[in-house]
């Protein structure tokens, strides 16, 4: 259990910011422990990139920008 506290909005921002890691081709890094066991170790050395994760990240960022606007966080919304 973490001792960090914050609003749900702050926790979402933290999760999004932690996910913004990109490989040498500008494609999001997928890390390790993927749901697909066959891909489980692709990102172990910090080099595994994922096109699918890029599409997912794009969707999250576009959708979350609306929440940022409602919170008055114009810098993150844009």
N, C-alpha and C. Protein backbone atom coordinates (compact mmCIF):
# COMPACT_ATOMS: atom_id res chain seq x y z
N UNK A 1 0.84 -1.16 0.00
CA UNK A 1 0.00 0.00 0.00
C UNK A 1 0.90 1.24 0.00
N UNK A 2 0.55 2.18 -0.82
CA UNK A 2 1.32 3.41 -0.94
C UNK A 2 0.91 4.41 0.13
N UNK A 3 1.86 5.21 0.55
CA UNK A 3 1.55 6.28 1.50
C UNK A 3 1.21 7.57 0.77
N UNK A 4 1.26 7.56 -0.56
CA UNK A 4 0.91 8.74 -1.35
C UNK A 4 -0.58 9.00 -1.27
N UNK A 5 -0.92 10.26 -1.15
CA UNK A 5 -2.34 10.61 -1.15
C UNK A 5 -2.57 11.69 -2.20
N UNK A 6 -3.79 11.76 -2.67
CA UNK A 6 -4.15 12.77 -3.67
C UNK A 6 -5.54 12.48 -4.18
N UNK A 7 -6.02 13.37 -5.00
CA UNK A 7 -7.34 13.20 -5.58
C UNK A 7 -7.27 12.15 -6.69
N UNK A 8 -8.43 11.70 -7.11
CA UNK A 8 -8.49 10.76 -8.23
C UNK A 8 -7.86 11.39 -9.46
N UNK A 9 -8.14 12.67 -9.67
CA UNK A 9 -7.56 13.41 -10.80
C UNK A 9 -6.03 13.37 -10.74
N UNK A 10 -5.47 13.62 -9.58
CA UNK A 10 -4.01 13.61 -9.41
C UNK A 10 -3.43 12.22 -9.66
N UNK A 11 -4.13 11.19 -9.22
CA UNK A 11 -3.65 9.82 -9.46
C UNK A 11 -3.69 9.49 -10.95
N UNK A 12 -4.73 9.95 -11.64
CA UNK A 12 -4.81 9.74 -13.09
C UNK A 12 -3.67 10.45 -13.79
N UNK A 13 -3.40 11.69 -13.41
CA UNK A 13 -2.28 12.44 -14.01
C UNK A 13 -0.97 11.72 -13.79
N UNK A 14 -0.76 11.21 -12.59
CA UNK A 14 0.47 10.49 -12.28
C UNK A 14 0.61 9.25 -13.16
N UNK A 15 -0.47 8.50 -13.31
CA UNK A 15 -0.43 7.29 -14.15
C UNK A 15 -0.14 7.65 -15.60
N UNK A 16 -0.76 8.70 -16.10
CA UNK A 16 -0.53 9.12 -17.49
C UNK A 16 0.91 9.57 -17.67
N UNK A 17 1.41 10.40 -16.75
CA UNK A 17 2.78 10.89 -16.87
C UNK A 17 3.79 9.75 -16.81
N UNK A 18 3.53 8.74 -15.99
CA UNK A 18 4.44 7.59 -15.91
C UNK A 18 4.44 6.77 -17.20
N UNK A 19 3.35 6.83 -17.94
CA UNK A 19 3.25 6.03 -19.17
C UNK A 19 3.88 6.71 -20.38
N UNK A 20 4.24 7.96 -20.26
CA UNK A 20 4.78 8.70 -21.41
C UNK A 20 6.28 8.44 -21.56
N UNK A 21 6.59 7.20 -21.87
CA UNK A 21 7.98 6.77 -22.13
C UNK A 21 8.02 6.21 -23.55
N UNK A 22 9.00 6.66 -24.31
CA UNK A 22 9.05 6.29 -25.72
C UNK A 22 10.40 5.68 -26.07
N UNK A 23 10.38 4.78 -27.04
CA UNK A 23 11.58 4.11 -27.50
C UNK A 23 12.29 4.90 -28.58
N UNK A 24 13.29 4.28 -29.16
CA UNK A 24 14.14 4.96 -30.14
C UNK A 24 13.40 5.36 -31.41
N UNK A 25 12.24 4.77 -31.67
CA UNK A 25 11.46 5.11 -32.86
C UNK A 25 10.30 6.06 -32.53
N UNK A 26 10.26 6.55 -31.29
CA UNK A 26 9.18 7.45 -30.87
C UNK A 26 7.88 6.73 -30.57
N UNK A 27 7.95 5.42 -30.43
CA UNK A 27 6.78 4.59 -30.15
C UNK A 27 6.77 4.27 -28.65
N UNK A 28 5.60 4.25 -28.01
CA UNK A 28 5.55 3.99 -26.57
C UNK A 28 6.21 2.66 -26.19
N UNK A 29 6.91 2.71 -25.07
CA UNK A 29 7.52 1.50 -24.52
C UNK A 29 6.45 0.71 -23.77
N UNK A 30 6.50 -0.61 -23.92
CA UNK A 30 5.46 -1.42 -23.32
C UNK A 30 5.82 -2.01 -21.97
N UNK A 31 7.06 -1.98 -21.58
CA UNK A 31 7.43 -2.55 -20.29
C UNK A 31 7.34 -4.06 -20.30
N UNK A 32 7.24 -4.65 -19.11
CA UNK A 32 7.15 -6.11 -18.97
C UNK A 32 5.85 -6.45 -18.26
N UNK A 33 5.49 -7.69 -18.28
CA UNK A 33 4.27 -8.13 -17.61
C UNK A 33 3.02 -7.85 -18.42
N UNK A 34 3.15 -7.92 -19.73
CA UNK A 34 2.01 -7.69 -20.60
C UNK A 34 0.97 -8.78 -20.38
N UNK A 35 -0.29 -8.48 -20.64
CA UNK A 35 -1.37 -9.45 -20.45
C UNK A 35 -1.19 -10.68 -21.34
N UNK A 36 -0.52 -10.52 -22.45
CA UNK A 36 -0.28 -11.62 -23.39
C UNK A 36 1.03 -12.29 -23.01
N UNK A 37 0.97 -13.47 -22.42
CA UNK A 37 2.18 -14.15 -21.94
C UNK A 37 3.26 -14.28 -23.00
N UNK A 38 2.88 -14.39 -24.26
CA UNK A 38 3.86 -14.49 -25.33
C UNK A 38 4.67 -13.21 -25.50
N UNK A 39 4.15 -12.09 -25.00
CA UNK A 39 4.83 -10.80 -25.11
C UNK A 39 5.37 -10.33 -23.76
N UNK A 40 5.35 -11.20 -22.77
CA UNK A 40 5.63 -10.84 -21.39
C UNK A 40 7.00 -10.21 -21.15
N UNK A 41 8.01 -10.59 -21.90
CA UNK A 41 9.36 -10.09 -21.63
C UNK A 41 9.87 -9.12 -22.70
N UNK A 42 9.03 -8.70 -23.61
CA UNK A 42 9.46 -7.83 -24.71
C UNK A 42 10.09 -6.54 -24.19
N UNK A 43 9.57 -5.98 -23.13
CA UNK A 43 10.07 -4.70 -22.63
C UNK A 43 11.03 -4.79 -21.48
N UNK A 44 11.53 -5.97 -21.15
CA UNK A 44 12.39 -6.13 -19.98
C UNK A 44 13.63 -5.24 -19.99
N UNK A 45 14.18 -4.97 -21.15
CA UNK A 45 15.40 -4.17 -21.23
C UNK A 45 15.11 -2.72 -21.62
N UNK A 46 13.86 -2.31 -21.52
CA UNK A 46 13.49 -0.94 -21.83
C UNK A 46 13.51 -0.61 -23.30
N UNK A 47 13.36 -1.63 -24.16
CA UNK A 47 13.41 -1.40 -25.60
C UNK A 47 12.15 -1.83 -26.34
N UNK A 48 11.26 -2.54 -25.69
CA UNK A 48 10.07 -3.06 -26.36
C UNK A 48 9.05 -1.96 -26.64
N UNK A 49 8.78 -1.71 -27.91
CA UNK A 49 7.84 -0.68 -28.32
C UNK A 49 6.53 -1.33 -28.78
N UNK A 50 5.43 -0.58 -28.65
CA UNK A 50 4.13 -1.14 -28.99
C UNK A 50 3.27 -0.14 -29.76
N UNK A 51 2.94 -0.50 -31.00
CA UNK A 51 2.04 0.32 -31.81
C UNK A 51 0.66 0.35 -31.16
N UNK A 52 0.18 -0.82 -30.72
CA UNK A 52 -1.13 -0.87 -30.07
C UNK A 52 -1.17 0.06 -28.87
N UNK A 53 -0.11 0.06 -28.06
CA UNK A 53 -0.06 0.94 -26.90
C UNK A 53 -0.10 2.40 -27.32
N UNK A 54 0.48 2.72 -28.46
CA UNK A 54 0.42 4.08 -28.99
C UNK A 54 -1.01 4.51 -29.28
N UNK A 55 -1.78 3.62 -29.90
CA UNK A 55 -3.19 3.92 -30.17
C UNK A 55 -3.97 4.08 -28.87
N UNK A 56 -3.70 3.20 -27.91
CA UNK A 56 -4.38 3.26 -26.62
C UNK A 56 -4.03 4.56 -25.89
N UNK A 57 -2.74 4.90 -25.89
CA UNK A 57 -2.28 6.13 -25.24
C UNK A 57 -2.95 7.36 -25.88
N UNK A 58 -3.04 7.36 -27.20
CA UNK A 58 -3.69 8.47 -27.90
C UNK A 58 -5.14 8.62 -27.44
N UNK A 59 -5.85 7.52 -27.35
CA UNK A 59 -7.25 7.54 -26.92
C UNK A 59 -7.37 8.08 -25.49
N UNK A 60 -6.51 7.63 -24.61
CA UNK A 60 -6.54 8.10 -23.22
C UNK A 60 -6.27 9.60 -23.16
N UNK A 61 -5.24 10.06 -23.88
CA UNK A 61 -4.89 11.48 -23.85
C UNK A 61 -6.00 12.36 -24.41
N UNK A 62 -6.59 11.93 -25.51
CA UNK A 62 -7.69 12.71 -26.10
C UNK A 62 -8.88 12.77 -25.14
N UNK A 63 -9.26 11.63 -24.59
CA UNK A 63 -10.40 11.58 -23.67
C UNK A 63 -10.13 12.35 -22.38
N UNK A 64 -8.92 12.20 -21.84
CA UNK A 64 -8.60 12.85 -20.57
C UNK A 64 -8.45 14.36 -20.72
N UNK A 65 -8.17 14.83 -21.92
CA UNK A 65 -8.05 16.28 -22.12
C UNK A 65 -9.37 16.98 -21.79
N UNK A 66 -10.49 16.32 -22.05
CA UNK A 66 -11.79 16.88 -21.68
C UNK A 66 -11.95 17.02 -20.18
N UNK A 67 -11.44 16.06 -19.45
CA UNK A 67 -11.49 16.12 -17.99
C UNK A 67 -10.60 17.26 -17.50
N UNK A 68 -9.44 17.41 -18.13
CA UNK A 68 -8.54 18.52 -17.76
C UNK A 68 -9.23 19.86 -17.97
N UNK A 69 -9.93 20.00 -19.07
CA UNK A 69 -10.65 21.25 -19.34
C UNK A 69 -11.70 21.52 -18.25
N UNK A 70 -12.44 20.50 -17.88
CA UNK A 70 -13.47 20.66 -16.84
C UNK A 70 -12.86 21.03 -15.50
N UNK A 71 -11.62 20.57 -15.26
CA UNK A 71 -10.92 20.89 -14.02
C UNK A 71 -10.23 22.25 -14.08
N UNK A 72 -10.29 22.92 -15.25
CA UNK A 72 -9.63 24.22 -15.40
C UNK A 72 -8.14 24.12 -15.63
N UNK A 73 -7.68 22.95 -16.06
CA UNK A 73 -6.26 22.69 -16.29
C UNK A 73 -5.98 22.82 -17.80
N UNK A 74 -6.03 24.07 -18.28
CA UNK A 74 -5.90 24.32 -19.72
C UNK A 74 -4.56 23.87 -20.28
N UNK A 75 -3.50 24.00 -19.50
CA UNK A 75 -2.17 23.60 -19.98
C UNK A 75 -2.13 22.12 -20.34
N UNK A 76 -2.69 21.28 -19.50
CA UNK A 76 -2.70 19.84 -19.79
C UNK A 76 -3.76 19.49 -20.83
N UNK A 77 -4.84 20.24 -20.87
CA UNK A 77 -5.91 19.96 -21.83
C UNK A 77 -5.43 20.14 -23.26
N UNK A 78 -4.52 21.07 -23.47
CA UNK A 78 -4.02 21.33 -24.82
C UNK A 78 -2.85 20.44 -25.11
